[in-house]
Amino acid sequence: MEKLQKYFLSFVIASIVIACNSNLSEEEQQARADEMINSGNIILSPHFQGSPKMMTYVEEAIALDPESADAWRELSIPYLKRGMPNKWKPLFDKAVELDPEEWQGWRGYLYLYFYRNYKKAIEDFNATDILTPDFDDAPQGQSVNYMRGIAYLGLKDYTKSLSYFDAYINDQANSSGEQYAEVTAFLYRGIVYYQTNDFENAKKDFLKVLKYSGNHYADAHYYLAKCFWKERKKNEASVHIEKAIEDFNLGYFHSRGYVEVLYQIYSQDLEELNNLIKNNYL
């Protein structure tokens, strides 16, 4: 019954919108729909996103232009943020179908961060590369090479993960300077090295994290402590775990809104390592 009511409501909305705009040409309806979604209307501000008013507003835009990929994408986001993949995915898939060059990489981004579906994320990133060859796409402002590095790290394919982090960092270094790379690229590449027992290269990357973050980054200090502890260097490990705890308490650690990041650290992790170091538990 609830679904029938929803479909009936959507039908009514579509009928009303079409009737009210019956004098507009198809091009004018498309232009109106684009203006509704992309003009920065206050109704679409984060405060209103997901409200009945906002959802109805977007459905009106879709009624005007069913081919508006932007509108389908906008309609999907409240379901994503509320953890309703069965409602999010069909809507976002429609956006990808209508404009794959714009939204396929974004879907990969969402697979990666919201659903930890690394294989699906990689499929979308690879497909995006095919659509735009010789160009490093950046859905949501993040390089697909950087995100492929994270996805392969999640799959524990350290060889491929390292290759994509290398590609991303080298590209940034050559184009604008290493300091403009995502600092978490060094963090994650360092974790790859750590997981493969290459502690020297791991430490180099964790030190770069500190270099490019004003020497305050709990994750980097935490992993430096782990590296030194593996190398049986208690004094160095003690220094870094203390700094890790201090930075964590100040809020200097890797995190994201809505989701837990890959290899996210918590206070319990820091206290456990601190206890191991203080009590010489090797």
Protein backbone atom coordinates (compact mmCIF):
# COMPACT_ATOMS: atom_id res chain seq x y z
CA MET A 1 0.00 0.00 0.00
CA GLU A 2 2.82 2.42 0.88
CA LYS A 3 4.48 1.82 -2.50
CA LEU A 4 1.17 2.32 -4.31
CA GLN A 5 0.67 5.61 -2.48
CA LYS A 6 4.17 6.70 -3.42
CA TYR A 7 3.67 5.82 -7.07
CA PHE A 8 0.29 7.54 -7.08
CA LEU A 9 1.80 10.66 -5.52
CA SER A 10 4.59 10.71 -8.10
CA PHE A 11 2.04 10.29 -10.88
CA VAL A 12 -0.02 13.18 -9.51
CA ILE A 13 3.08 15.38 -9.21
CA ALA A 14 4.11 14.56 -12.77
CA SER A 15 0.62 15.26 -14.09
CA ILE A 16 0.42 18.61 -12.31
CA VAL A 17 3.89 19.68 -13.44
CA ILE A 18 3.25 18.70 -17.04
CA ALA A 19 -0.11 20.47 -17.02
CA CYS A 20 1.38 23.65 -15.56
CA ASN A 21 4.17 23.66 -18.15
CA SER A 22 2.17 22.45 -21.13
CA ASN A 23 2.93 25.67 -23.04
CA LEU A 24 6.68 25.13 -22.77
CA SER A 25 8.65 23.46 -25.55
CA GLU A 26 10.70 20.35 -24.78
CA GLU A 27 13.88 22.43 -24.79
CA GLU A 28 12.32 24.94 -22.40
CA GLN A 29 11.21 22.15 -20.05
CA GLN A 30 14.74 20.75 -20.05
CA ALA A 31 16.15 24.19 -19.33
CA ARG A 32 13.66 24.67 -16.50
CA ALA A 33 14.55 21.29 -14.97
CA ASP A 34 18.26 22.10 -15.19
CA GLU A 35 17.68 25.45 -13.50
CA MET A 36 15.72 23.76 -10.70
CA ILE A 37 18.52 21.28 -9.96
CA ASN A 38 21.70 23.22 -10.71
CA SER A 39 20.95 26.86 -9.92
CA GLY A 40 21.85 26.56 -6.23
CA ASN A 41 18.24 26.90 -5.15
CA ILE A 42 18.03 27.08 -1.34
CA ILE A 43 15.66 24.12 -1.29
CA LEU A 44 18.60 21.93 -2.30
CA SER A 45 20.91 23.17 0.43
CA PRO A 46 22.23 20.47 2.84
CA HIS A 47 19.76 21.59 5.51
CA PHE A 48 16.82 20.62 3.33
CA GLN A 49 18.28 17.58 1.57
CA GLY A 50 16.01 14.59 2.04
CA SER A 51 13.02 16.59 3.27
CA PRO A 52 9.62 15.86 1.69
CA LYS A 53 9.70 19.35 0.16
CA MET A 54 13.07 18.72 -1.45
CA MET A 55 12.14 15.24 -2.72
CA THR A 56 8.92 16.55 -4.27
CA TYR A 57 10.87 19.42 -5.84
CA VAL A 58 13.33 17.02 -7.50
CA GLU A 59 10.50 14.77 -8.70
CA GLU A 60 8.98 17.86 -10.34
CA ALA A 61 12.25 18.43 -12.19
CA ILE A 62 12.27 14.80 -13.36
CA ALA A 63 8.68 15.16 -14.55
CA LEU A 64 9.81 18.10 -16.68
CA ASP A 65 12.87 16.28 -17.99
CA PRO A 66 13.04 12.50 -17.41
CA GLU A 67 16.46 12.53 -19.12
CA SER A 68 18.05 14.77 -16.46
CA ALA A 69 20.85 12.67 -14.99
CA ASP A 70 21.55 15.38 -12.42
CA ALA A 71 17.99 15.16 -11.10
CA TRP A 72 18.06 11.37 -10.76
CA ARG A 73 21.36 11.62 -8.92
CA GLU A 74 20.00 14.31 -6.58
CA LEU A 75 16.95 12.18 -5.81
CA SER A 76 19.19 9.26 -4.84
CA ILE A 77 21.44 11.00 -2.30
CA PRO A 78 19.08 11.13 0.72
CA TYR A 79 18.67 7.34 0.45
CA LEU A 80 22.45 6.92 0.30
CA LYS A 81 22.98 8.98 3.45
CA ARG A 82 20.22 7.12 5.28
CA GLY A 83 21.75 3.73 4.50
CA MET A 84 19.02 2.56 2.10
CA PRO A 85 20.96 0.98 -0.81
CA ASN A 86 17.87 -0.71 -2.27
CA LYS A 87 16.41 2.76 -2.89
CA TRP A 88 19.66 4.60 -3.63
CA LYS A 89 21.09 2.27 -6.26
CA PRO A 90 18.26 2.20 -8.87
CA LEU A 91 18.10 6.00 -8.84
CA PHE A 92 21.85 6.49 -9.11
CA ASP A 93 22.08 3.76 -11.76
CA LYS A 94 19.60 5.79 -13.80
CA ALA A 95 21.88 8.83 -13.53
CA VAL A 96 24.84 6.72 -14.72
CA GLU A 97 22.77 5.33 -17.59
CA LEU A 98 21.87 8.84 -18.76
CA ASP A 99 25.32 10.41 -18.28
CA PRO A 100 28.04 7.83 -17.60
CA GLU A 101 30.91 10.24 -18.19
CA GLU A 102 29.68 12.45 -15.36
CA TRP A 103 28.34 9.91 -12.85
CA GLN A 104 30.04 6.53 -13.31
CA GLY A 105 33.15 7.59 -11.45
CA TRP A 106 30.96 9.08 -8.72
CA ARG A 107 29.18 5.77 -8.32
CA GLY A 108 32.59 4.13 -7.90
CA TYR A 109 33.41 6.72 -5.25
CA LEU A 110 30.20 5.83 -3.39
CA TYR A 111 30.82 2.08 -3.74
CA LEU A 112 34.28 2.65 -2.26
CA TYR A 113 33.50 4.86 0.72
CA PHE A 114 29.92 4.08 1.62
CA TYR A 115 29.65 0.37 0.81
CA ARG A 116 33.24 -0.93 0.82
CA ASN A 117 32.39 -2.73 -2.42
CA TYR A 118 35.91 -2.55 -3.76
CA LYS A 119 35.38 -4.69 -6.85
CA LYS A 120 32.38 -2.66 -7.99
CA ALA A 121 34.27 0.55 -7.29
CA ILE A 122 37.21 -0.59 -9.41
CA GLU A 123 34.85 -1.58 -12.25
CA ASP A 124 33.40 1.92 -12.29
CA PHE A 125 36.81 3.61 -12.07
CA ASN A 126 38.11 1.47 -14.95
CA ALA A 127 35.01 2.22 -17.02
CA THR A 128 35.45 5.93 -16.35
CA ASP A 129 39.02 5.73 -17.61
CA ILE A 130 37.78 4.14 -20.84
CA LEU A 131 35.25 6.95 -21.30
CA THR A 132 37.93 9.61 -20.82
CA PRO A 133 41.26 8.12 -21.97
CA ASP A 134 44.53 9.88 -21.13
CA PHE A 135 42.83 11.87 -18.39
CA ASP A 136 42.96 11.28 -14.65
CA ASP A 137 39.30 11.68 -13.67
CA ALA A 138 38.51 13.06 -10.23
CA PRO A 139 34.97 12.26 -9.08
CA GLN A 140 34.16 14.23 -5.92
CA GLY A 141 37.55 15.90 -6.39
CA GLN A 142 39.53 12.67 -5.87
CA SER A 143 41.70 11.01 -8.51
CA VAL A 144 40.52 7.61 -9.73
CA ASN A 145 44.12 6.40 -9.43
CA TYR A 146 44.17 7.44 -5.78
CA MET A 147 40.83 5.73 -5.17
CA ARG A 148 41.90 2.58 -7.04
CA GLY A 149 44.88 2.48 -4.71
CA ILE A 150 42.48 2.48 -1.73
CA ALA A 151 40.19 -0.12 -3.32
CA TYR A 152 43.04 -2.54 -4.01
CA LEU A 153 44.35 -1.95 -0.49
CA GLY A 154 40.90 -2.95 0.77
CA LEU A 155 41.19 -6.13 -1.31
CA LYS A 156 44.69 -6.68 0.13
CA ASP A 157 46.14 -6.65 -3.38
CA TYR A 158 49.20 -4.74 -2.27
CA THR A 159 51.02 -4.85 -5.61
CA LYS A 160 48.21 -3.15 -7.52
CA SER A 161 47.48 -0.79 -4.65
CA LEU A 162 51.10 0.37 -4.62
CA SER A 163 51.12 0.85 -8.40
CA TYR A 164 48.09 3.15 -8.33
CA PHE A 165 49.34 5.19 -5.37
CA ASP A 166 52.67 5.56 -7.17
CA ALA A 167 50.90 6.66 -10.35
CA TYR A 168 48.82 9.23 -8.48
CA ILE A 169 51.67 10.66 -6.36
CA ASN A 170 54.10 10.79 -9.30
CA ASP A 171 51.51 12.54 -11.46
CA GLN A 172 50.92 15.15 -8.76
CA ALA A 173 54.65 15.61 -8.22
CA ASN A 174 55.26 16.12 -11.95
CA SER A 175 52.29 18.39 -12.59
CA SER A 176 52.13 20.65 -9.56
CA GLY A 177 54.37 19.34 -6.79
CA GLU A 178 54.27 16.44 -4.36
CA GLN A 179 52.91 18.68 -1.61
CA TYR A 180 49.62 19.02 -3.52
CA ALA A 181 48.89 15.29 -3.41
CA GLU A 182 46.26 14.03 -0.97
CA VAL A 183 48.18 13.56 2.28
CA THR A 184 46.27 10.32 2.84
CA ALA A 185 47.87 8.93 -0.33
CA PHE A 186 51.17 8.86 1.58
CA LEU A 187 49.39 7.42 4.61
CA TYR A 188 47.83 4.57 2.64
CA ARG A 189 50.96 3.90 0.61
CA GLY A 190 52.84 3.73 3.89
CA ILE A 191 50.29 1.20 5.15
CA VAL A 192 50.87 -0.88 2.01
CA TYR A 193 54.61 -0.87 2.75
CA TYR A 194 53.92 -1.68 6.40
CA GLN A 195 51.69 -4.63 5.50
CA THR A 196 54.45 -6.01 3.27
CA ASN A 197 57.12 -5.53 6.00
CA ASP A 198 58.95 -2.79 4.07
CA PHE A 199 59.37 -0.65 7.15
CA GLU A 200 61.95 1.73 5.69
CA ASN A 201 59.71 2.87 2.85
CA ALA A 202 56.72 2.85 5.19
CA LYS A 203 58.47 5.26 7.56
CA LYS A 204 59.40 7.55 4.67
CA ASP A 205 55.76 7.87 3.70
CA PHE A 206 54.51 8.38 7.25
CA LEU A 207 57.11 11.11 7.71
CA LYS A 208 55.80 12.75 4.54
CA VAL A 209 52.33 12.72 6.04
CA LEU A 210 53.71 14.66 8.99
CA LYS A 211 55.70 16.97 6.71
CA TYR A 212 52.62 17.96 4.73
CA SER A 213 50.27 18.22 7.72
CA GLY A 214 52.20 20.46 10.06
CA ASN A 215 53.59 17.51 12.04
CA HIS A 216 50.18 16.73 13.51
CA TYR A 217 48.60 13.49 12.31
CA ALA A 218 47.77 10.70 14.75
CA ASP A 219 47.65 7.98 12.09
CA ALA A 220 51.18 8.73 10.89
CA HIS A 221 52.59 8.75 14.43
CA TYR A 222 50.69 5.55 15.22
CA TYR A 223 52.14 3.68 12.25
CA LEU A 224 55.60 5.07 12.85
CA ALA A 225 55.34 3.67 16.38
CA LYS A 226 54.30 0.31 14.92
CA CYS A 227 57.23 0.32 12.50
CA PHE A 228 59.77 1.16 15.20
CA TRP A 229 58.23 -1.42 17.50
CA LYS A 230 58.57 -4.08 14.81
CA GLU A 231 62.22 -3.05 14.52
CA ARG A 232 62.64 -3.39 18.32
CA LYS A 233 63.34 0.32 18.77
CA LYS A 234 61.41 1.02 21.93
CA ASN A 235 62.46 4.63 22.50
CA GLU A 236 61.43 5.78 19.02
CA ALA A 237 58.20 3.80 19.27
CA SER A 238 57.39 5.40 22.64
CA VAL A 239 57.88 8.91 21.28
CA HIS A 240 55.54 8.36 18.37
CA ILE A 241 52.77 6.56 20.23
CA GLU A 242 52.68 9.41 22.76
CA LYS A 243 52.42 11.93 19.92
CA ALA A 244 49.74 9.79 18.28
CA ILE A 245 47.62 9.85 21.43
CA GLU A 246 48.12 13.60 21.80
CA ASP A 247 47.15 14.34 18.18
CA PHE A 248 44.19 11.97 18.32
CA ASN A 249 42.82 13.76 21.37
CA LEU A 250 43.21 17.06 19.53
CA GLY A 251 41.25 15.72 16.57
CA TYR A 252 44.15 15.27 14.14
CA PHE A 253 43.28 11.89 12.64
CA HIS A 254 41.93 10.54 9.38
CA SER A 255 38.13 10.38 9.22
CA ARG A 256 35.19 11.15 6.93
CA GLY A 257 31.60 12.20 7.42
CA TYR A 258 28.95 9.46 7.30
CA VAL A 259 31.41 6.56 6.95
CA GLU A 260 34.36 4.84 8.59
CA VAL A 261 37.53 5.17 6.55
CA LEU A 262 39.68 2.20 5.64
CA TYR A 263 42.18 1.51 8.45
CA GLN A 264 40.57 4.10 10.69
CA ILE A 265 42.24 4.29 14.09
CA TYR A 266 40.49 4.56 17.44
CA SER A 267 41.64 5.42 20.95
CA GLN A 268 41.58 1.72 21.86
CA ASP A 269 44.16 1.00 19.12
CA LEU A 270 46.48 3.66 20.49
CA GLU A 271 46.12 2.55 24.09
CA GLU A 272 46.72 -1.08 23.15
CA LEU A 273 49.94 -0.25 21.31
CA ASN A 274 51.05 2.08 24.09
CA ASN A 275 50.54 -0.72 26.59
CA LEU A 276 52.54 -3.15 24.46
CA ILE A 277 55.45 -0.73 24.19
CA LYS A 278 55.49 0.23 27.86
CA ASN A 279 55.39 -3.39 29.01
CA ASN A 280 57.81 -4.75 26.40
CA TYR A 281 55.27 -7.19 24.95
CA LEU A 282 56.90 -8.19 21.68
